[in-house]
């Protein structure tokens, strides 16, 4: 005999953007260390770190903006639309090919 059934647990969706940003931040620290280890000047390593940080920040902003846009689209898809207007049907401006002749009707 089995015990009482419990509702299935929903696991939260992984935050992929945060994972990417964390790895990028890690690389912003790791790359200059490796550059200095292999003999690059500290000034060059620092400028590399600043450049990587700028690129990481810009990518983070773009990823967050993309996530907000995708969330907004999902929210719009879930809400029912009101009104009877549809753009999928054939209307007066439906286009397509007209098979009728070009002679006037008497």
C-alpha atoms as a PDB file:
ATOM      1  CA  UNK A   1       0.000   0.000   0.000  1.00  0.00           C
ATOM      2  CA  UNK A   2       1.205   3.454  -0.800  1.00  0.00           C
ATOM      3  CA  UNK A   3       1.056   6.501   1.414  1.00  0.00           C
ATOM      4  CA  UNK A   4      -0.921   9.658   0.765  1.00  0.00           C
ATOM      5  CA  UNK A   5      -0.231  11.348  -2.537  1.00  0.00           C
ATOM      6  CA  UNK A   6       1.366  14.714  -2.474  1.00  0.00           C
ATOM      7  CA  UNK A   7       1.292  17.296  -5.197  1.00  0.00           C
ATOM      8  CA  UNK A   8       4.323  17.122  -7.479  1.00  0.00           C
ATOM      9  CA  UNK A   9       6.923  19.684  -6.600  1.00  0.00           C
ATOM     10  CA  UNK A  10       7.655  22.307  -9.168  1.00  0.00           C
ATOM     11  CA  UNK A  11      11.298  23.043  -9.528  1.00  0.00           C
ATOM     12  CA  UNK A  12      12.025  26.670 -10.287  1.00  0.00           C
ATOM     13  CA  UNK A  13      13.391  27.334 -13.725  1.00  0.00           C
ATOM     14  CA  UNK A  14      17.153  27.758 -13.704  1.00  0.00           C
ATOM     15  CA  UNK A  15      18.301  31.323 -14.142  1.00  0.00           C
ATOM     16  CA  UNK A  16      20.582  30.818 -17.119  1.00  0.00           C
ATOM     17  CA  UNK A  17      21.393  34.498 -17.441  1.00  0.00           C
ATOM     18  CA  UNK A  18      22.771  34.656 -13.920  1.00  0.00           C
ATOM     19  CA  UNK A  19      24.874  31.574 -14.587  1.00  0.00           C
ATOM     20  CA  UNK A  20      26.325  33.133 -17.729  1.00  0.00           C
ATOM     21  CA  UNK A  21      27.047  36.409 -15.944  1.00  0.00           C
ATOM     22  CA  UNK A  22      28.703  34.569 -13.046  1.00  0.00           C
ATOM     23  CA  UNK A  23      30.985  32.679 -15.417  1.00  0.00           C
ATOM     24  CA  UNK A  24      31.799  35.878 -17.296  1.00  0.00           C
ATOM     25  CA  UNK A  25      32.671  37.651 -14.036  1.00  0.00           C
ATOM     26  CA  UNK A  26      34.868  34.707 -13.079  1.00  0.00           C
ATOM     27  CA  UNK A  27      36.645  35.024 -16.430  1.00  0.00           C
ATOM     28  CA  UNK A  28      37.100  38.758 -15.905  1.00  0.00           C
ATOM     29  CA  UNK A  29      39.190  37.849 -12.861  1.00  0.00           C
ATOM     30  CA  UNK A  30      40.848  34.718 -14.219  1.00  0.00           C
ATOM     31  CA  UNK A  31      42.083  36.059 -17.568  1.00  0.00           C
ATOM     32  CA  UNK A  32      44.229  38.899 -16.133  1.00  0.00           C
ATOM     33  CA  UNK A  33      45.723  36.508 -13.574  1.00  0.00           C
ATOM     34  CA  UNK A  34      46.689  34.093 -16.331  1.00  0.00           C
ATOM     35  CA  UNK A  35      48.077  36.938 -18.443  1.00  0.00           C
ATOM     36  CA  UNK A  36      50.311  38.137 -15.599  1.00  0.00           C
ATOM     37  CA  UNK A  37      51.339  34.531 -14.888  1.00  0.00           C
ATOM     38  CA  UNK A  38      52.560  34.170 -18.463  1.00  0.00           C
ATOM     39  CA  UNK A  39      54.547  37.398 -18.405  1.00  0.00           C
ATOM     40  CA  UNK A  40      52.175  40.093 -19.669  1.00  0.00           C
ATOM     41  CA  UNK A  41      52.588  43.447 -17.991  1.00  0.00           C
ATOM     42  CA  UNK A  42      50.191  44.229 -15.138  1.00  0.00           C
ATOM     43  CA  UNK A  43      48.977  47.336 -16.986  1.00  0.00           C
ATOM     44  CA  UNK A  44      47.967  45.233 -19.998  1.00  0.00           C
ATOM     45  CA  UNK A  45      46.265  42.699 -17.736  1.00  0.00           C
ATOM     46  CA  UNK A  46      44.310  45.443 -15.964  1.00  0.00           C
ATOM     47  CA  UNK A  47      43.205  46.998 -19.258  1.00  0.00           C
ATOM     48  CA  UNK A  48      42.135  43.539 -20.437  1.00  0.00           C
ATOM     49  CA  UNK A  49      40.130  43.091 -17.231  1.00  0.00           C
ATOM     50  CA  UNK A  50      38.440  46.458 -17.732  1.00  0.00           C
ATOM     51  CA  UNK A  51      37.579  45.600 -21.334  1.00  0.00           C
ATOM     52  CA  UNK A  52      36.155  42.220 -20.355  1.00  0.00           C
ATOM     53  CA  UNK A  53      34.140  43.854 -17.577  1.00  0.00           C
ATOM     54  CA  UNK A  54      32.673  46.375 -20.019  1.00  0.00           C
ATOM     55  CA  UNK A  55      31.701  43.654 -22.485  1.00  0.00           C
ATOM     56  CA  UNK A  56      30.247  41.515 -19.690  1.00  0.00           C
ATOM     57  CA  UNK A  57      28.166  44.431 -18.409  1.00  0.00           C
ATOM     58  CA  UNK A  58      26.810  45.200 -21.869  1.00  0.00           C
ATOM     59  CA  UNK A  59      25.949  41.544 -22.482  1.00  0.00           C
ATOM     60  CA  UNK A  60      24.247  41.310 -19.096  1.00  0.00           C
ATOM     61  CA  UNK A  61      22.095  44.326 -19.877  1.00  0.00           C
ATOM     62  CA  UNK A  62      21.124  42.878 -23.267  1.00  0.00           C
ATOM     63  CA  UNK A  63      20.316  39.467 -21.762  1.00  0.00           C
ATOM     64  CA  UNK A  64      18.117  41.014 -19.070  1.00  0.00           C
ATOM     65  CA  UNK A  65      16.308  43.122 -21.659  1.00  0.00           C
ATOM     66  CA  UNK A  66      15.747  40.021 -23.775  1.00  0.00           C
ATOM     67  CA  UNK A  67      14.377  38.128 -20.762  1.00  0.00           C
ATOM     68  CA  UNK A  68      11.951  40.941 -19.990  1.00  0.00           C
ATOM     69  CA  UNK A  69      10.766  40.986 -23.599  1.00  0.00           C
ATOM     70  CA  UNK A  70      10.283  37.220 -23.647  1.00  0.00           C
ATOM     71  CA  UNK A  71       8.379  37.318 -20.348  1.00  0.00           C
ATOM     72  CA  UNK A  72       6.151  40.056 -21.717  1.00  0.00           C
ATOM     73  CA  UNK A  73       5.419  38.010 -24.853  1.00  0.00           C
ATOM     74  CA  UNK A  74       4.570  34.947 -22.758  1.00  0.00           C
ATOM     75  CA  UNK A  75       2.240  37.042 -20.609  1.00  0.00           C
ATOM     76  CA  UNK A  76       0.516  38.446 -23.695  1.00  0.00           C
ATOM     77  CA  UNK A  77       0.058  34.952 -25.131  1.00  0.00           C
ATOM     78  CA  UNK A  78      -1.653  33.781 -21.936  1.00  0.00           C
ATOM     79  CA  UNK A  79      -4.160  36.610 -21.766  1.00  0.00           C
ATOM     80  CA  UNK A  80      -7.226  36.162 -23.955  1.00  0.00           C
ATOM     81  CA  UNK A  81      -7.705  38.820 -26.573  1.00  0.00           C
ATOM     82  CA  UNK A  82     -10.923  40.741 -26.674  1.00  0.00           C
ATOM     83  CA  UNK A  83     -12.647  41.845 -29.829  1.00  0.00           C
ATOM     84  CA  UNK A  84     -13.535  40.057 -32.996  1.00  0.00           C
ATOM     85  CA  UNK A  85     -10.807  41.329 -35.245  1.00  0.00           C
ATOM     86  CA  UNK A  86      -8.470  38.771 -36.650  1.00  0.00           C
ATOM     87  CA  UNK A  87      -5.685  39.166 -39.149  1.00  0.00           C
ATOM     88  CA  UNK A  88      -5.579  35.550 -40.179  1.00  0.00           C
ATOM     89  CA  UNK A  89      -8.710  35.356 -42.324  1.00  0.00           C
ATOM     90  CA  UNK A  90      -9.181  36.406 -45.912  1.00  0.00           C
ATOM     91  CA  UNK A  91     -10.688  39.855 -46.027  1.00  0.00           C
ATOM     92  CA  UNK A  92     -10.984  42.611 -48.539  1.00  0.00           C
ATOM     93  CA  UNK A  93      -7.230  42.920 -48.647  1.00  0.00           C
ATOM     94  CA  UNK A  94      -6.499  39.224 -48.473  1.00  0.00           C
ATOM     95  CA  UNK A  95      -4.309  39.256 -51.546  1.00  0.00           C
ATOM     96  CA  UNK A  96      -3.813  36.057 -53.402  1.00  0.00           C
ATOM     97  CA  UNK A  97      -4.546  35.294 -56.996  1.00  0.00           C
ATOM     98  CA  UNK A  98      -7.791  36.241 -58.664  1.00  0.00           C
ATOM     99  CA  UNK A  99      -8.958  33.555 -61.050  1.00  0.00           C
ATOM    100  CA  UNK A 100     -11.759  35.507 -62.633  1.00  0.00           C
ATOM    101  CA  UNK A 101     -11.395  36.827 -66.168  1.00  0.00           C
ATOM    102  CA  UNK A 102     -10.660  40.410 -67.004  1.00  0.00           C
ATOM    103  CA  UNK A 103     -13.686  40.910 -69.264  1.00  0.00           C
ATOM    104  CA  UNK A 104     -16.509  43.097 -68.010  1.00  0.00           C
ATOM    105  CA  UNK A 105     -19.804  41.468 -67.082  1.00  0.00           C
ATOM    106  CA  UNK A 106     -22.884  42.552 -69.112  1.00  0.00           C
END
